[in-house]
N, C-alpha and C. Protein backbone atom coordinates (compact mmCIF):
# COMPACT_ATOMS: atom_id res chain seq x y z
N UNK A 1 -1.97 0.23 -15.13
CA UNK A 1 -1.39 -0.66 -14.15
C UNK A 1 -1.23 -2.04 -14.76
N UNK A 2 -0.10 -2.63 -14.54
CA UNK A 2 0.16 -3.96 -15.06
C UNK A 2 0.68 -4.87 -13.96
N UNK A 3 -0.13 -5.10 -12.95
CA UNK A 3 0.27 -6.03 -11.90
C UNK A 3 -0.07 -7.44 -12.35
N UNK A 4 0.69 -8.40 -11.86
CA UNK A 4 0.40 -9.79 -12.19
C UNK A 4 -0.49 -10.39 -11.09
N UNK A 5 -1.01 -11.58 -11.30
CA UNK A 5 -1.93 -12.17 -10.31
C UNK A 5 -1.32 -12.31 -8.91
N UNK A 6 -0.04 -12.63 -8.82
CA UNK A 6 0.59 -12.75 -7.50
C UNK A 6 0.68 -11.39 -6.82
N UNK A 7 1.01 -10.35 -7.57
CA UNK A 7 1.05 -9.00 -7.01
C UNK A 7 -0.34 -8.56 -6.56
N UNK A 8 -1.35 -8.88 -7.36
CA UNK A 8 -2.73 -8.56 -6.98
C UNK A 8 -3.10 -9.25 -5.67
N UNK A 9 -2.71 -10.51 -5.53
CA UNK A 9 -3.00 -11.27 -4.31
C UNK A 9 -2.32 -10.64 -3.09
N UNK A 10 -1.05 -10.27 -3.26
CA UNK A 10 -0.32 -9.66 -2.15
C UNK A 10 -0.89 -8.29 -1.78
N UNK A 11 -1.25 -7.50 -2.77
CA UNK A 11 -1.83 -6.19 -2.50
C UNK A 11 -3.15 -6.35 -1.76
N UNK A 12 -3.98 -7.31 -2.18
CA UNK A 12 -5.25 -7.56 -1.48
C UNK A 12 -4.99 -8.00 -0.04
N UNK A 13 -3.95 -8.81 0.18
CA UNK A 13 -3.59 -9.25 1.53
C UNK A 13 -3.15 -8.07 2.39
N UNK A 14 -2.32 -7.20 1.83
CA UNK A 14 -1.84 -6.01 2.55
C UNK A 14 -3.02 -5.14 2.96
N UNK A 15 -3.90 -4.87 2.01
CA UNK A 15 -5.05 -4.01 2.30
C UNK A 15 -5.99 -4.69 3.30
N UNK A 16 -6.16 -5.99 3.19
CA UNK A 16 -6.98 -6.72 4.16
C UNK A 16 -6.42 -6.63 5.57
N UNK A 17 -5.12 -6.78 5.70
CA UNK A 17 -4.49 -6.64 7.02
C UNK A 17 -4.65 -5.22 7.54
N UNK A 18 -4.45 -4.24 6.65
CA UNK A 18 -4.61 -2.84 7.04
C UNK A 18 -6.01 -2.61 7.59
N UNK A 19 -7.01 -3.08 6.88
CA UNK A 19 -8.40 -2.90 7.30
C UNK A 19 -8.66 -3.55 8.66
N UNK A 20 -8.20 -4.79 8.84
CA UNK A 20 -8.42 -5.50 10.10
C UNK A 20 -7.76 -4.79 11.27
N UNK A 21 -6.53 -4.32 11.07
CA UNK A 21 -5.81 -3.62 12.14
C UNK A 21 -6.49 -2.30 12.45
N UNK A 22 -6.80 -1.52 11.41
CA UNK A 22 -7.41 -0.20 11.61
C UNK A 22 -8.78 -0.32 12.28
N UNK A 23 -9.58 -1.31 11.90
CA UNK A 23 -10.91 -1.46 12.49
C UNK A 23 -10.86 -2.06 13.88
N UNK A 24 -9.76 -2.70 14.22
CA UNK A 24 -9.60 -3.16 15.60
C UNK A 24 -9.43 -1.96 16.52
N UNK A 25 -8.72 -0.94 16.03
CA UNK A 25 -8.49 0.27 16.82
C UNK A 25 -9.69 1.21 16.74
N UNK A 26 -10.26 1.33 15.54
CA UNK A 26 -11.41 2.22 15.30
C UNK A 26 -12.54 1.37 14.70
N UNK A 27 -13.35 0.72 15.55
CA UNK A 27 -14.34 -0.24 15.07
C UNK A 27 -15.32 0.29 14.02
N UNK A 28 -15.63 1.57 14.02
CA UNK A 28 -16.60 2.11 13.08
C UNK A 28 -15.95 2.71 11.83
N UNK A 29 -14.65 2.55 11.70
CA UNK A 29 -13.93 3.10 10.56
C UNK A 29 -14.36 2.41 9.26
N UNK A 30 -14.65 3.20 8.26
CA UNK A 30 -14.96 2.67 6.94
C UNK A 30 -13.68 2.72 6.11
N UNK A 31 -13.28 1.58 5.60
CA UNK A 31 -12.04 1.47 4.81
C UNK A 31 -12.43 1.15 3.37
N UNK A 32 -12.04 2.00 2.44
CA UNK A 32 -12.31 1.78 1.02
C UNK A 32 -11.20 0.88 0.47
N UNK A 33 -11.42 -0.42 0.55
CA UNK A 33 -10.37 -1.36 0.16
C UNK A 33 -10.04 -1.28 -1.33
N UNK A 34 -11.03 -1.04 -2.16
CA UNK A 34 -10.78 -0.92 -3.59
C UNK A 34 -9.85 0.24 -3.91
N UNK A 35 -10.11 1.38 -3.28
CA UNK A 35 -9.27 2.56 -3.49
C UNK A 35 -7.84 2.31 -3.01
N UNK A 36 -7.71 1.68 -1.85
CA UNK A 36 -6.36 1.40 -1.33
C UNK A 36 -5.63 0.41 -2.22
N UNK A 37 -6.33 -0.60 -2.72
CA UNK A 37 -5.69 -1.56 -3.62
C UNK A 37 -5.23 -0.88 -4.90
N UNK A 38 -6.06 0.00 -5.45
CA UNK A 38 -5.66 0.74 -6.66
C UNK A 38 -4.46 1.63 -6.38
N UNK A 39 -4.44 2.28 -5.21
CA UNK A 39 -3.32 3.17 -4.86
C UNK A 39 -2.01 2.38 -4.78
N UNK A 40 -2.04 1.24 -4.09
CA UNK A 40 -0.81 0.45 -3.96
C UNK A 40 -0.34 -0.07 -5.32
N UNK A 41 -1.27 -0.55 -6.13
CA UNK A 41 -0.90 -1.06 -7.45
C UNK A 41 -0.35 0.05 -8.33
N UNK A 42 -0.98 1.20 -8.29
CA UNK A 42 -0.53 2.33 -9.11
C UNK A 42 0.87 2.77 -8.71
N UNK A 43 1.12 2.89 -7.43
CA UNK A 43 2.45 3.28 -6.94
C UNK A 43 3.48 2.21 -7.31
N UNK A 44 3.12 0.95 -7.11
CA UNK A 44 4.03 -0.16 -7.39
C UNK A 44 4.45 -0.20 -8.86
N UNK A 45 3.54 0.15 -9.75
CA UNK A 45 3.80 0.07 -11.19
C UNK A 45 4.34 1.37 -11.80
N UNK A 46 4.38 2.45 -11.03
CA UNK A 46 4.71 3.75 -11.61
C UNK A 46 5.77 4.52 -10.84
N UNK A 47 6.90 3.90 -10.61
CA UNK A 47 8.01 4.66 -10.09
C UNK A 47 8.49 4.30 -8.70
N UNK A 48 7.64 3.64 -7.89
CA UNK A 48 8.08 3.22 -6.56
C UNK A 48 7.70 1.75 -6.37
N UNK A 49 8.48 0.85 -6.96
CA UNK A 49 8.17 -0.57 -6.77
C UNK A 49 8.23 -0.93 -5.29
N UNK A 50 7.25 -1.71 -4.86
CA UNK A 50 7.15 -2.09 -3.45
C UNK A 50 7.60 -3.53 -3.27
N UNK A 51 8.23 -3.82 -2.15
CA UNK A 51 8.57 -5.19 -1.79
C UNK A 51 7.30 -5.79 -1.17
N UNK A 52 6.44 -6.32 -2.03
CA UNK A 52 5.12 -6.75 -1.59
C UNK A 52 5.18 -7.92 -0.62
N UNK A 53 6.15 -8.81 -0.78
CA UNK A 53 6.28 -9.93 0.16
C UNK A 53 6.56 -9.42 1.57
N UNK A 54 7.52 -8.52 1.69
CA UNK A 54 7.86 -7.96 3.00
C UNK A 54 6.71 -7.12 3.55
N UNK A 55 6.07 -6.35 2.67
CA UNK A 55 4.95 -5.50 3.04
C UNK A 55 3.82 -6.35 3.64
N UNK A 56 3.51 -7.46 2.99
CA UNK A 56 2.40 -8.32 3.42
C UNK A 56 2.60 -8.93 4.80
N UNK A 57 3.85 -9.16 5.17
CA UNK A 57 4.10 -9.78 6.48
C UNK A 57 4.81 -8.82 7.43
N UNK A 58 4.84 -7.54 7.10
CA UNK A 58 5.50 -6.54 7.93
C UNK A 58 4.77 -6.28 9.24
N UNK A 59 5.43 -5.58 10.11
CA UNK A 59 4.82 -5.26 11.41
C UNK A 59 3.56 -4.43 11.20
N UNK A 60 2.64 -4.52 12.14
CA UNK A 60 1.39 -3.76 12.04
C UNK A 60 1.65 -2.27 11.92
N UNK A 61 2.56 -1.76 12.72
CA UNK A 61 2.85 -0.32 12.71
C UNK A 61 3.37 0.14 11.35
N UNK A 62 4.32 -0.60 10.80
CA UNK A 62 4.90 -0.20 9.52
C UNK A 62 3.90 -0.37 8.37
N UNK A 63 3.12 -1.45 8.41
CA UNK A 63 2.12 -1.67 7.38
C UNK A 63 1.09 -0.53 7.39
N UNK A 64 0.55 -0.22 8.57
CA UNK A 64 -0.43 0.87 8.68
C UNK A 64 0.17 2.18 8.19
N UNK A 65 1.36 2.48 8.62
CA UNK A 65 2.01 3.73 8.26
C UNK A 65 2.18 3.85 6.76
N UNK A 66 2.72 2.82 6.12
CA UNK A 66 2.95 2.89 4.68
C UNK A 66 1.65 3.02 3.89
N UNK A 67 0.63 2.24 4.26
CA UNK A 67 -0.64 2.32 3.52
C UNK A 67 -1.25 3.71 3.66
N UNK A 68 -1.27 4.24 4.88
CA UNK A 68 -1.86 5.57 5.11
C UNK A 68 -1.09 6.64 4.35
N UNK A 69 0.23 6.62 4.44
CA UNK A 69 1.01 7.67 3.78
C UNK A 69 1.03 7.53 2.26
N UNK A 70 0.95 6.31 1.76
CA UNK A 70 0.81 6.14 0.30
C UNK A 70 -0.51 6.76 -0.14
N UNK A 71 -1.59 6.44 0.58
CA UNK A 71 -2.91 6.99 0.22
C UNK A 71 -2.92 8.51 0.29
N UNK A 72 -2.20 9.08 1.24
CA UNK A 72 -2.18 10.53 1.39
C UNK A 72 -1.28 11.23 0.37
N UNK A 73 -0.29 10.53 -0.14
CA UNK A 73 0.71 11.18 -0.98
C UNK A 73 0.69 10.76 -2.45
N UNK A 74 -0.25 9.93 -2.84
CA UNK A 74 -0.28 9.49 -4.24
C UNK A 74 -0.80 10.60 -5.14
N UNK A 75 -0.16 10.72 -6.26
CA UNK A 75 -0.66 11.58 -7.34
C UNK A 75 -1.42 10.63 -8.26
N UNK A 76 -2.74 10.71 -8.23
CA UNK A 76 -3.57 9.75 -8.97
C UNK A 76 -3.37 9.86 -10.48
N UNK A 77 -2.93 10.99 -10.95
CA UNK A 77 -2.73 11.16 -12.39
C UNK A 77 -1.48 10.43 -12.89
N UNK A 78 -0.46 10.35 -12.05
CA UNK A 78 0.81 9.76 -12.48
C UNK A 78 1.16 8.45 -11.77
N UNK A 79 0.58 8.22 -10.60
CA UNK A 79 0.93 7.05 -9.81
C UNK A 79 2.19 7.25 -9.00
N UNK A 80 2.75 8.42 -9.06
CA UNK A 80 3.97 8.71 -8.30
C UNK A 80 3.61 9.30 -6.94
N UNK A 81 4.57 9.19 -6.02
CA UNK A 81 4.36 9.72 -4.68
C UNK A 81 4.86 11.16 -4.58
N UNK A 82 4.09 11.98 -3.90
CA UNK A 82 4.43 13.39 -3.71
C UNK A 82 5.16 13.56 -2.37
N UNK A 83 5.63 14.79 -2.16
CA UNK A 83 6.22 15.22 -0.89
C UNK A 83 7.43 14.40 -0.46
N UNK A 84 8.14 13.86 -1.44
CA UNK A 84 9.36 13.07 -1.18
C UNK A 84 9.12 11.87 -0.27
N UNK A 85 7.88 11.39 -0.21
CA UNK A 85 7.59 10.23 0.62
C UNK A 85 8.16 8.96 -0.02
N UNK A 86 8.88 8.20 0.78
CA UNK A 86 9.41 6.91 0.35
C UNK A 86 8.92 5.86 1.36
N UNK A 87 8.10 4.92 0.91
CA UNK A 87 7.58 3.90 1.84
C UNK A 87 8.71 3.04 2.41
N UNK A 88 8.51 2.58 3.61
CA UNK A 88 9.48 1.67 4.22
C UNK A 88 9.61 0.37 3.40
N UNK A 89 8.51 0.00 2.76
CA UNK A 89 8.51 -1.23 1.99
C UNK A 89 8.80 -1.02 0.51
N UNK A 90 9.43 0.11 0.17
CA UNK A 90 9.87 0.32 -1.21
C UNK A 90 11.03 -0.63 -1.50
N UNK A 91 11.09 -1.12 -2.74
CA UNK A 91 12.20 -1.97 -3.15
C UNK A 91 13.49 -1.15 -3.03
N UNK A 92 14.54 -1.81 -2.62
CA UNK A 92 15.84 -1.16 -2.55
C UNK A 92 16.67 -1.61 -3.74
N UNK A 93 17.62 -0.79 -4.12
CA UNK A 93 18.54 -1.14 -5.21
C UNK A 93 19.29 -2.39 -4.84
N UNK A 94 19.50 -3.24 -5.81
CA UNK A 94 20.25 -4.49 -5.55
C UNK A 94 21.62 -4.42 -6.15
């Protein structure tokens, strides 16, 4: 993984928001923030670049959905997403 400091900051912010939202709904939920941060960084650097700025300030529903489905569909060996999953916050072609 080769994320830069700004990307690391945004990924930590995304995962922090995810944790806060999820624990508001499920107060006893244990969230492995380190694992989620690694998953987002790995996906971002290995085939599915994420629009981290939009992701960080996205709606609660979309943020939760993308984090959960990325965690469920990541191939840890390659950093690529399985099952044809494309996050809503994936970068689009310009």
